[in-house]
Amino acid sequence: GLEPALERTNGMFAIAAWDRDRRILVLARDRLGEKPLYWMRQ
């Protein structure tokens, strides 16, 4: 699962993960925000 996997990581990251089964896109950013990630709605 996404959150348990992130909790095991030691790193810097910005990710977008598409879950085909639940039809959900998940964005996540590393603990201290080393990598940037922006979003908006239209």
All heavy atoms as atom14 arrays in JSON, in Angstrom:
{
  "sequence": "GLEPALERTNGMFAIAAWDRDRRILVLARDRLGEKPLYWMRQ",
  "atom14_mask": [
    [1, 1, 1, 1, 0, 0, 0, 0, 0, 0, 0, 0, 0, 0],
    [1, 1, 1, 1, 1, 1, 1, 1, 0, 0, 0, 0, 0, 0],
    [1, 1, 1, 1, 1, 1, 1, 1, 1, 0, 0, 0, 0, 0],
    [1, 1, 1, 1, 1, 1, 1, 0, 0, 0, 0, 0, 0, 0],
    [1, 1, 1, 1, 1, 0, 0, 0, 0, 0, 0, 0, 0, 0],
    [1, 1, 1, 1, 1, 1, 1, 1, 0, 0, 0, 0, 0, 0],
    [1, 1, 1, 1, 1, 1, 1, 1, 1, 0, 0, 0, 0, 0],
    [1, 1, 1, 1, 1, 1, 1, 1, 1, 1, 1, 0, 0, 0],
    [1, 1, 1, 1, 1, 1, 1, 0, 0, 0, 0, 0, 0, 0],
    [1, 1, 1, 1, 1, 1, 1, 1, 0, 0, 0, 0, 0, 0],
    [1, 1, 1, 1, 0, 0, 0, 0, 0, 0, 0, 0, 0, 0],
    [1, 1, 1, 1, 1, 1, 1, 1, 0, 0, 0, 0, 0, 0],
    [1, 1, 1, 1, 1, 1, 1, 1, 1, 1, 1, 0, 0, 0],
    [1, 1, 1, 1, 1, 0, 0, 0, 0, 0, 0, 0, 0, 0],
    [1, 1, 1, 1, 1, 1, 1, 1, 0, 0, 0, 0, 0, 0],
    [1, 1, 1, 1, 1, 0, 0, 0, 0, 0, 0, 0, 0, 0],
    [1, 1, 1, 1, 1, 0, 0, 0, 0, 0, 0, 0, 0, 0],
    [1, 1, 1, 1, 1, 1, 1, 1, 1, 1, 1, 1, 1, 1],
    [1, 1, 1, 1, 1, 1, 1, 1, 0, 0, 0, 0, 0, 0],
    [1, 1, 1, 1, 1, 1, 1, 1, 1, 1, 1, 0, 0, 0],
    [1, 1, 1, 1, 1, 1, 1, 1, 0, 0, 0, 0, 0, 0],
    [1, 1, 1, 1, 1, 1, 1, 1, 1, 1, 1, 0, 0, 0],
    [1, 1, 1, 1, 1, 1, 1, 1, 1, 1, 1, 0, 0, 0],
    [1, 1, 1, 1, 1, 1, 1, 1, 0, 0, 0, 0, 0, 0],
    [1, 1, 1, 1, 1, 1, 1, 1, 0, 0, 0, 0, 0, 0],
    [1, 1, 1, 1, 1, 1, 1, 0, 0, 0, 0, 0, 0, 0],
    [1, 1, 1, 1, 1, 1, 1, 1, 0, 0, 0, 0, 0, 0],
    [1, 1, 1, 1, 1, 0, 0, 0, 0, 0, 0, 0, 0, 0],
    [1, 1, 1, 1, 1, 1, 1, 1, 1, 1, 1, 0, 0, 0],
    [1, 1, 1, 1, 1, 1, 1, 1, 0, 0, 0, 0, 0, 0],
    [1, 1, 1, 1, 1, 1, 1, 1, 1, 1, 1, 0, 0, 0],
    [1, 1, 1, 1, 1, 1, 1, 1, 0, 0, 0, 0, 0, 0],
    [1, 1, 1, 1, 0, 0, 0, 0, 0, 0, 0, 0, 0, 0],
    [1, 1, 1, 1, 1, 1, 1, 1, 1, 0, 0, 0, 0, 0],
    [1, 1, 1, 1, 1, 1, 1, 1, 1, 0, 0, 0, 0, 0],
    [1, 1, 1, 1, 1, 1, 1, 0, 0, 0, 0, 0, 0, 0],
    [1, 1, 1, 1, 1, 1, 1, 1, 0, 0, 0, 0, 0, 0],
    [1, 1, 1, 1, 1, 1, 1, 1, 1, 1, 1, 1, 0, 0],
    [1, 1, 1, 1, 1, 1, 1, 1, 1, 1, 1, 1, 1, 1],
    [1, 1, 1, 1, 1, 1, 1, 1, 0, 0, 0, 0, 0, 0],
    [1, 1, 1, 1, 1, 1, 1, 1, 1, 1, 1, 0, 0, 0],
    [1, 1, 1, 1, 1, 1, 1, 1, 1, 0, 0, 0, 0, 0]
  ],
  "atom14_positions": [
    [[0.84, -1.19, 0.0], [0.0, 0.0, 0.0], [0.88, 1.24, 0.0], [2.04, 1.21, 0.39], [0.0, 0.0, 0.0], [0.0, 0.0, 0.0], [0.0, 0.0, 0.0], [0.0, 0.0, 0.0], [0.0, 0.0, 0.0], [0.0, 0.0, 0.0], [0.0, 0.0, 0.0], [0.0, 0.0, 0.0], [0.0, 0.0, 0.0], [0.0, 0.0, 0.0]],
    [[0.32, 2.36, -0.43], [1.14, 3.54, -0.65], [1.73, 4.11, 0.64], [2.95, 4.3, 0.74], [0.34, 4.62, -1.38], [1.2, 5.78, -1.91], [0.83, 6.15, -3.31], [1.08, 7.0, -0.99], [0.0, 0.0, 0.0], [0.0, 0.0, 0.0], [0.0, 0.0, 0.0], [0.0, 0.0, 0.0], [0.0, 0.0, 0.0], [0.0, 0.0, 0.0]],
    [[0.9, 4.37, 1.64], [1.45, 4.98, 2.85], [2.4, 4.07, 3.6], [3.48, 4.52, 4.04], [0.31, 5.46, 3.74], [-0.4, 6.69, 3.19], [-1.4, 7.29, 4.17], [-0.96, 7.78, 5.23], [-2.6, 7.24, 3.87], [0.0, 0.0, 0.0], [0.0, 0.0, 0.0], [0.0, 0.0, 0.0], [0.0, 0.0, 0.0], [0.0, 0.0, 0.0]],
    [[2.09, 2.78, 3.79], [3.08, 1.91, 4.44], [4.4, 1.85, 3.67], [5.47, 1.75, 4.29], [2.39, 0.54, 4.46], [0.93, 0.88, 4.46], [0.81, 2.08, 3.58], [0.0, 0.0, 0.0], [0.0, 0.0, 0.0], [0.0, 0.0, 0.0], [0.0, 0.0, 0.0], [0.0, 0.0, 0.0], [0.0, 0.0, 0.0], [0.0, 0.0, 0.0]],
    [[4.34, 1.9, 2.34], [5.57, 1.89, 1.55], [6.37, 3.17, 1.78], [7.6, 3.13, 1.98], [5.25, 1.72, 0.06], [0.0, 0.0, 0.0], [0.0, 0.0, 0.0], [0.0, 0.0, 0.0], [0.0, 0.0, 0.0], [0.0, 0.0, 0.0], [0.0, 0.0, 0.0], [0.0, 0.0, 0.0], [0.0, 0.0, 0.0], [0.0, 0.0, 0.0]],
    [[5.68, 4.31, 1.79], [6.39, 5.57, 2.01], [7.03, 5.61, 3.39], [8.12, 6.15, 3.57], [5.42, 6.75, 1.85], [4.84, 6.99, 0.46], [3.96, 8.23, 0.47], [5.93, 7.12, -0.59], [0.0, 0.0, 0.0], [0.0, 0.0, 0.0], [0.0, 0.0, 0.0], [0.0, 0.0, 0.0], [0.0, 0.0, 0.0], [0.0, 0.0, 0.0]],
    [[6.35, 5.05, 4.38], [6.87, 5.06, 5.74], [8.16, 4.26, 5.85], [8.97, 4.51, 6.76], [5.82, 4.5, 6.7], [4.65, 5.46, 6.9], [3.47, 4.81, 7.59], [3.56, 3.6, 7.88], [2.45, 5.5, 7.82], [0.0, 0.0, 0.0], [0.0, 0.0, 0.0], [0.0, 0.0, 0.0], [0.0, 0.0, 0.0], [0.0, 0.0, 0.0]],
    [[8.39, 3.31, 4.94], [9.61, 2.5, 4.97], [10.76, 3.18, 4.23], [11.89, 2.69, 4.3], [9.36, 1.13, 4.34], [8.38, 0.26, 5.11], [8.11, -1.02, 4.34], [7.04, -1.81, 4.96], [7.19, -3.06, 5.36], [8.36, -3.66, 5.23], [6.18, -3.72, 5.9], [0.0, 0.0, 0.0], [0.0, 0.0, 0.0], [0.0, 0.0, 0.0]],
    [[10.48, 4.26, 3.53], [11.5, 4.87, 2.69], [12.4, 5.81, 3.48], [11.99, 6.44, 4.44], [10.88, 5.68, 1.54], [10.1, 6.76, 2.08], [10.02, 4.8, 0.66], [0.0, 0.0, 0.0], [0.0, 0.0, 0.0], [0.0, 0.0, 0.0], [0.0, 0.0, 0.0], [0.0, 0.0, 0.0], [0.0, 0.0, 0.0], [0.0, 0.0, 0.0]],
    [[13.63, 5.88, 3.01], [14.57, 6.91, 3.43], [14.99, 7.6, 2.15], [15.75, 7.06, 1.35], [15.78, 6.27, 4.13], [16.8, 7.3, 4.59], [16.85, 8.43, 4.13], [17.64, 6.89, 5.53], [0.0, 0.0, 0.0], [0.0, 0.0, 0.0], [0.0, 0.0, 0.0], [0.0, 0.0, 0.0], [0.0, 0.0, 0.0], [0.0, 0.0, 0.0]],
    [[14.46, 8.8, 1.91], [14.79, 9.43, 0.64], [14.14, 10.78, 0.47], [13.53, 11.34, 1.38], [0.0, 0.0, 0.0], [0.0, 0.0, 0.0], [0.0, 0.0, 0.0], [0.0, 0.0, 0.0], [0.0, 0.0, 0.0], [0.0, 0.0, 0.0], [0.0, 0.0, 0.0], [0.0, 0.0, 0.0], [0.0, 0.0, 0.0], [0.0, 0.0, 0.0]],
    [[14.31, 11.31, -0.73], [13.68, 12.56, -1.13], [12.87, 12.26, -2.39], [13.33, 11.57, -3.29], [14.73, 13.64, -1.41], [15.77, 13.25, -2.44], [16.9, 14.6, -2.79], [17.93, 13.84, -4.07], [0.0, 0.0, 0.0], [0.0, 0.0, 0.0], [0.0, 0.0, 0.0], [0.0, 0.0, 0.0], [0.0, 0.0, 0.0], [0.0, 0.0, 0.0]],
    [[11.64, 12.79, -2.45], [10.82, 12.41, -3.59], [9.58, 13.28, -3.72], [9.1, 13.88, -2.75], [10.39, 10.94, -3.5], [9.72, 10.59, -2.19], [8.38, 10.85, -1.97], [10.45, 10.01, -1.16], [7.77, 10.53, -0.77], [9.85, 9.68, 0.05], [8.51, 9.95, 0.24], [0.0, 0.0, 0.0], [0.0, 0.0, 0.0], [0.0, 0.0, 0.0]],
    [[9.09, 13.34, -4.93], [7.74, 13.78, -5.24], [7.2, 12.74, -6.2], [7.83, 12.43, -7.22], [7.73, 15.16, -5.87], [0.0, 0.0, 0.0], [0.0, 0.0, 0.0], [0.0, 0.0, 0.0], [0.0, 0.0, 0.0], [0.0, 0.0, 0.0], [0.0, 0.0, 0.0], [0.0, 0.0, 0.0], [0.0, 0.0, 0.0], [0.0, 0.0, 0.0]],
    [[6.02, 12.16, -5.9], [5.5, 11.07, -6.72], [4.05, 11.33, -7.08], [3.33, 12.05, -6.39], [5.62, 9.71, -6.01], [4.65, 9.62, -4.83], [7.05, 9.43, -5.57], [4.5, 8.23, -4.26], [0.0, 0.0, 0.0], [0.0, 0.0, 0.0], [0.0, 0.0, 0.0], [0.0, 0.0, 0.0], [0.0, 0.0, 0.0], [0.0, 0.0, 0.0]],
    [[3.66, 10.7, -8.19], [2.25, 10.59, -8.56], [2.01, 9.13, -8.89], [2.7, 8.56, -9.75], [1.91, 11.48, -9.75], [0.0, 0.0, 0.0], [0.0, 0.0, 0.0], [0.0, 0.0, 0.0], [0.0, 0.0, 0.0], [0.0, 0.0, 0.0], [0.0, 0.0, 0.0], [0.0, 0.0, 0.0], [0.0, 0.0, 0.0], [0.0, 0.0, 0.0]],
    [[1.07, 8.51, -8.2], [0.79, 7.08, -8.37], [-0.68, 6.88, -8.69], [-1.55, 7.27, -7.91], [1.17, 6.32, -7.09], [0.0, 0.0, 0.0], [0.0, 0.0, 0.0], [0.0, 0.0, 0.0], [0.0, 0.0, 0.0], [0.0, 0.0, 0.0], [0.0, 0.0, 0.0], [0.0, 0.0, 0.0], [0.0, 0.0, 0.0], [0.0, 0.0, 0.0]],
    [[-0.94, 6.28, -9.84], [-2.31, 6.01, -10.28], [-2.71, 4.61, -9.86], [-2.06, 3.61, -10.21], [-2.42, 6.16, -11.8], [-3.68, 5.62, -12.4], [-3.82, 4.51, -13.2], [-5.01, 6.15, -12.24], [-5.12, 4.33, -13.56], [-5.88, 5.31, -12.98], [-5.53, 7.24, -11.55], [-7.25, 5.54, -13.05], [-6.9, 7.46, -11.62], [-7.75, 6.63, -12.36]],
    [[-3.78, 4.51, -9.08], [-4.33, 3.23, -8.63], [-5.47, 2.86, -9.57], [-6.56, 3.41, -9.48], [-4.84, 3.38, -7.19], [-5.35, 2.06, -6.61], [-5.52, 1.1, -7.38], [-5.58, 2.01, -5.39], [0.0, 0.0, 0.0], [0.0, 0.0, 0.0], [0.0, 0.0, 0.0], [0.0, 0.0, 0.0], [0.0, 0.0, 0.0], [0.0, 0.0, 0.0]],
    [[-5.21, 1.92, -10.46], [-6.19, 1.53, -11.47], [-7.45, 0.93, -10.85], [-8.57, 1.19, -11.3], [-5.56, 0.51, -12.42], [-6.47, 0.04, -13.55], [-5.91, -1.23, -14.19], [-5.86, -2.32, -13.2], [-5.3, -3.5, -13.43], [-4.72, -3.73, -14.6], [-5.31, -4.44, -12.51], [0.0, 0.0, 0.0], [0.0, 0.0, 0.0], [0.0, 0.0, 0.0]],
    [[-7.27, 0.16, -9.77], [-8.41, -0.52, -9.17], [-9.38, 0.45, -8.51], [-10.61, 0.3, -8.63], [-7.93, -1.54, -8.13], [-7.21, -2.71, -8.78], [-7.14, -2.75, -10.02], [-6.69, -3.56, -8.03], [0.0, 0.0, 0.0], [0.0, 0.0, 0.0], [0.0, 0.0, 0.0], [0.0, 0.0, 0.0], [0.0, 0.0, 0.0], [0.0, 0.0, 0.0]],
    [[-8.87, 1.46, -7.81], [-9.73, 2.4, -7.09], [-10.0, 3.68, -7.9], [-10.76, 4.53, -7.46], [-9.08, 2.78, -5.76], [-8.9, 1.61, -4.81], [-8.07, 2.02, -3.6], [-8.73, 3.1, -2.84], [-8.08, 4.01, -2.13], [-6.76, 4.0, -2.1], [-8.74, 4.94, -1.47], [0.0, 0.0, 0.0], [0.0, 0.0, 0.0], [0.0, 0.0, 0.0]],
    [[-9.35, 3.81, -9.04], [-9.47, 5.01, -9.88], [-9.14, 6.26, -9.07], [-9.89, 7.23, -9.03], [-10.88, 5.1, -10.48], [-11.21, 3.97, -11.44], [-12.6, 4.12, -12.0], [-12.71, 5.29, -12.85], [-13.88, 5.77, -13.31], [-15.01, 5.19, -12.96], [-13.9, 6.84, -14.09], [0.0, 0.0, 0.0], [0.0, 0.0, 0.0], [0.0, 0.0, 0.0]],
    [[-8.0, 6.2, -8.42], [-7.53, 7.31, -7.59], [-6.08, 7.62, -7.96], [-5.25, 6.7, -8.08], [-7.63, 6.98, -6.09], [-9.1, 6.94, -5.66], [-6.87, 7.98, -5.24], [-9.28, 6.57, -4.2], [0.0, 0.0, 0.0], [0.0, 0.0, 0.0], [0.0, 0.0, 0.0], [0.0, 0.0, 0.0], [0.0, 0.0, 0.0], [0.0, 0.0, 0.0]],
    [[-5.8, 8.88, -8.14], [-4.42, 9.34, -8.3], [-3.95, 9.88, -6.95], [-4.63, 10.69, -6.32], [-4.33, 10.45, -9.36], [-2.92, 11.03, -9.57], [-2.04, 10.02, -10.31], [-2.98, 12.35, -10.32], [0.0, 0.0, 0.0], [0.0, 0.0, 0.0], [0.0, 0.0, 0.0], [0.0, 0.0, 0.0], [0.0, 0.0, 0.0], [0.0, 0.0, 0.0]],
    [[-2.77, 9.45, -6.52], [-2.23, 9.89, -5.24], [-0.93, 10.64, -5.49], [-0.02, 10.13, -6.15], [-1.98, 8.72, -4.28], [-1.53, 9.24, -2.92], [-3.24, 7.87, -4.13], [0.0, 0.0, 0.0], [0.0, 0.0, 0.0], [0.0, 0.0, 0.0], [0.0, 0.0, 0.0], [0.0, 0.0, 0.0], [0.0, 0.0, 0.0], [0.0, 0.0, 0.0]],
    [[-0.86, 11.87, -4.97], [0.38, 12.64, -4.98], [0.98, 12.6, -3.58], [0.26, 12.65, -2.59], [0.13, 14.09, -5.36], [-0.62, 14.39, -6.66], [-0.68, 15.9, -6.89], [0.01, 13.68, -7.85], [0.0, 0.0, 0.0], [0.0, 0.0, 0.0], [0.0, 0.0, 0.0], [0.0, 0.0, 0.0], [0.0, 0.0, 0.0], [0.0, 0.0, 0.0]],
    [[2.3, 12.53, -3.49], [2.96, 12.53, -2.18], [4.31, 13.21, -2.3], [4.97, 13.15, -3.35], [3.13, 11.11, -1.65], [0.0, 0.0, 0.0], [0.0, 0.0, 0.0], [0.0, 0.0, 0.0], [0.0, 0.0, 0.0], [0.0, 0.0, 0.0], [0.0, 0.0, 0.0], [0.0, 0.0, 0.0], [0.0, 0.0, 0.0], [0.0, 0.0, 0.0]],
    [[4.69, 13.83, -1.2], [5.96, 14.56, -1.16], [6.77, 14.09, 0.05], [6.21, 13.69, 1.07], [5.68, 16.06, -1.04], [6.86, 16.94, -1.36], [6.45, 18.4, -1.37], [7.6, 19.27, -1.61], [7.63, 20.56, -1.31], [6.54, 21.13, -0.78], [8.7, 21.28, -1.54], [0.0, 0.0, 0.0], [0.0, 0.0, 0.0], [0.0, 0.0, 0.0]],
    [[8.09, 14.13, -0.07], [8.95, 13.61, 0.98], [8.81, 14.39, 2.28], [8.2, 15.45, 2.34], [10.41, 13.59, 0.53], [10.94, 14.98, 0.2], [11.06, 15.8, 1.12], [11.24, 15.25, -0.98], [0.0, 0.0, 0.0], [0.0, 0.0, 0.0], [0.0, 0.0, 0.0], [0.0, 0.0, 0.0], [0.0, 0.0, 0.0], [0.0, 0.0, 0.0]],
    [[9.38, 13.86, 3.33], [9.15, 14.34, 4.69], [9.49, 15.83, 4.86], [8.77, 16.55, 5.54], [9.96, 13.52, 5.68], [9.48, 12.06, 5.8], [10.48, 11.23, 6.57], [10.02, 9.85, 6.78], [10.19, 8.87, 5.9], [10.78, 9.13, 4.71], [9.76, 7.66, 6.15], [0.0, 0.0, 0.0], [0.0, 0.0, 0.0], [0.0, 0.0, 0.0]],
    [[10.59, 16.28, 4.28], [11.01, 17.66, 4.47], [10.84, 18.52, 3.22], [11.3, 19.66, 3.18], [12.47, 17.69, 4.93], [12.74, 17.02, 6.28], [14.21, 17.16, 6.68], [11.86, 17.59, 7.38], [0.0, 0.0, 0.0], [0.0, 0.0, 0.0], [0.0, 0.0, 0.0], [0.0, 0.0, 0.0], [0.0, 0.0, 0.0], [0.0, 0.0, 0.0]],
    [[10.18, 17.99, 2.21], [9.88, 18.79, 1.04], [11.07, 19.14, 0.18], [11.14, 20.23, -0.38], [0.0, 0.0, 0.0], [0.0, 0.0, 0.0], [0.0, 0.0, 0.0], [0.0, 0.0, 0.0], [0.0, 0.0, 0.0], [0.0, 0.0, 0.0], [0.0, 0.0, 0.0], [0.0, 0.0, 0.0], [0.0, 0.0, 0.0], [0.0, 0.0, 0.0]],
    [[12.01, 18.2, 0.04], [13.17, 18.46, -0.8], [12.79, 18.56, -2.28], [13.4, 19.31, -3.03], [14.22, 17.37, -0.6], [14.88, 17.38, 0.76], [16.0, 16.37, 0.84], [17.0, 16.52, 0.12], [15.88, 15.4, 1.62], [0.0, 0.0, 0.0], [0.0, 0.0, 0.0], [0.0, 0.0, 0.0], [0.0, 0.0, 0.0], [0.0, 0.0, 0.0]],
    [[11.82, 17.78, -2.69], [11.39, 17.79, -4.08], [10.05, 18.53, -4.21], [9.13, 18.3, -3.43], [11.25, 16.35, -4.61], [12.58, 15.63, -4.72], [13.54, 16.36, -5.65], [14.86, 15.63, -5.8], [15.8, 16.37, -6.65], [0.0, 0.0, 0.0], [0.0, 0.0, 0.0], [0.0, 0.0, 0.0], [0.0, 0.0, 0.0], [0.0, 0.0, 0.0]],
    [[9.92, 19.39, -5.19], [8.71, 20.21, -5.32], [7.56, 19.48, -6.0], [7.78, 18.55, -6.79], [9.19, 21.38, -6.19], [10.24, 20.75, -7.07], [10.94, 19.73, -6.21], [0.0, 0.0, 0.0], [0.0, 0.0, 0.0], [0.0, 0.0, 0.0], [0.0, 0.0, 0.0], [0.0, 0.0, 0.0], [0.0, 0.0, 0.0], [0.0, 0.0, 0.0]],
    [[6.34, 19.91, -5.69], [5.16, 19.36, -6.35], [4.0, 20.36, -6.24], [3.63, 20.76, -5.14], [4.77, 18.02, -5.72], [3.76, 17.16, -6.5], [4.25, 16.89, -7.92], [3.49, 15.84, -5.78], [0.0, 0.0, 0.0], [0.0, 0.0, 0.0], [0.0, 0.0, 0.0], [0.0, 0.0, 0.0], [0.0, 0.0, 0.0], [0.0, 0.0, 0.0]],
    [[3.48, 20.76, -7.39], [2.41, 21.76, -7.47], [1.16, 21.14, -8.1], [1.26, 20.22, -8.91], [2.87, 22.94, -8.34], [4.08, 23.66, -7.81], [5.36, 23.31, -8.22], [3.96, 24.71, -6.9], [6.49, 23.97, -7.73], [5.07, 25.37, -6.41], [6.33, 25.0, -6.83], [7.43, 25.66, -6.35], [0.0, 0.0, 0.0], [0.0, 0.0, 0.0]],
    [[0.0, 21.68, -7.71], [-1.25, 21.17, -8.28], [-2.29, 22.28, -8.39], [-2.21, 23.29, -7.7], [-1.8, 20.01, -7.47], [-2.19, 20.33, -6.06], [-1.38, 20.34, -4.96], [-3.49, 20.69, -5.59], [-2.1, 20.67, -3.83], [-3.4, 20.9, -4.19], [-4.74, 20.85, -6.21], [-4.5, 21.26, -3.4], [-5.84, 21.21, -5.43], [-5.71, 21.41, -4.06]],
    [[-3.27, 22.05, -9.26], [-4.36, 23.0, -9.44], [-5.58, 22.28, -9.99], [-5.47, 21.18, -10.57], [-3.95, 24.13, -10.4], [-3.68, 23.67, -11.83], [-3.32, 25.04, -12.95], [-4.91, 25.88, -12.96], [0.0, 0.0, 0.0], [0.0, 0.0, 0.0], [0.0, 0.0, 0.0], [0.0, 0.0, 0.0], [0.0, 0.0, 0.0], [0.0, 0.0, 0.0]],
    [[-6.74, 22.9, -9.8], [-7.97, 22.41, -10.4], [-8.42, 23.37, -11.48], [-8.24, 24.58, -11.39], [-9.05, 22.28, -9.33], [-8.71, 21.32, -8.22], [-9.89, 21.07, -7.32], [-10.99, 20.43, -8.06], [-12.07, 19.93, -7.47], [-12.2, 19.99, -6.16], [-13.01, 19.38, -8.17], [0.0, 0.0, 0.0], [0.0, 0.0, 0.0], [0.0, 0.0, 0.0]],
    [[-9.01, 22.8, -12.53], [-9.67, 23.59, -13.58], [-11.15, 23.25, -13.53], [-11.56, 22.18, -14.0], [-9.09, 23.26, -14.95], [-7.66, 23.77, -15.16], [-7.16, 23.44, -16.54], [-6.69, 22.34, -16.8], [-7.26, 24.41, -17.44], [0.0, 0.0, 0.0], [0.0, 0.0, 0.0], [0.0, 0.0, 0.0], [0.0, 0.0, 0.0], [0.0, 0.0, 0.0]]
  ]
}
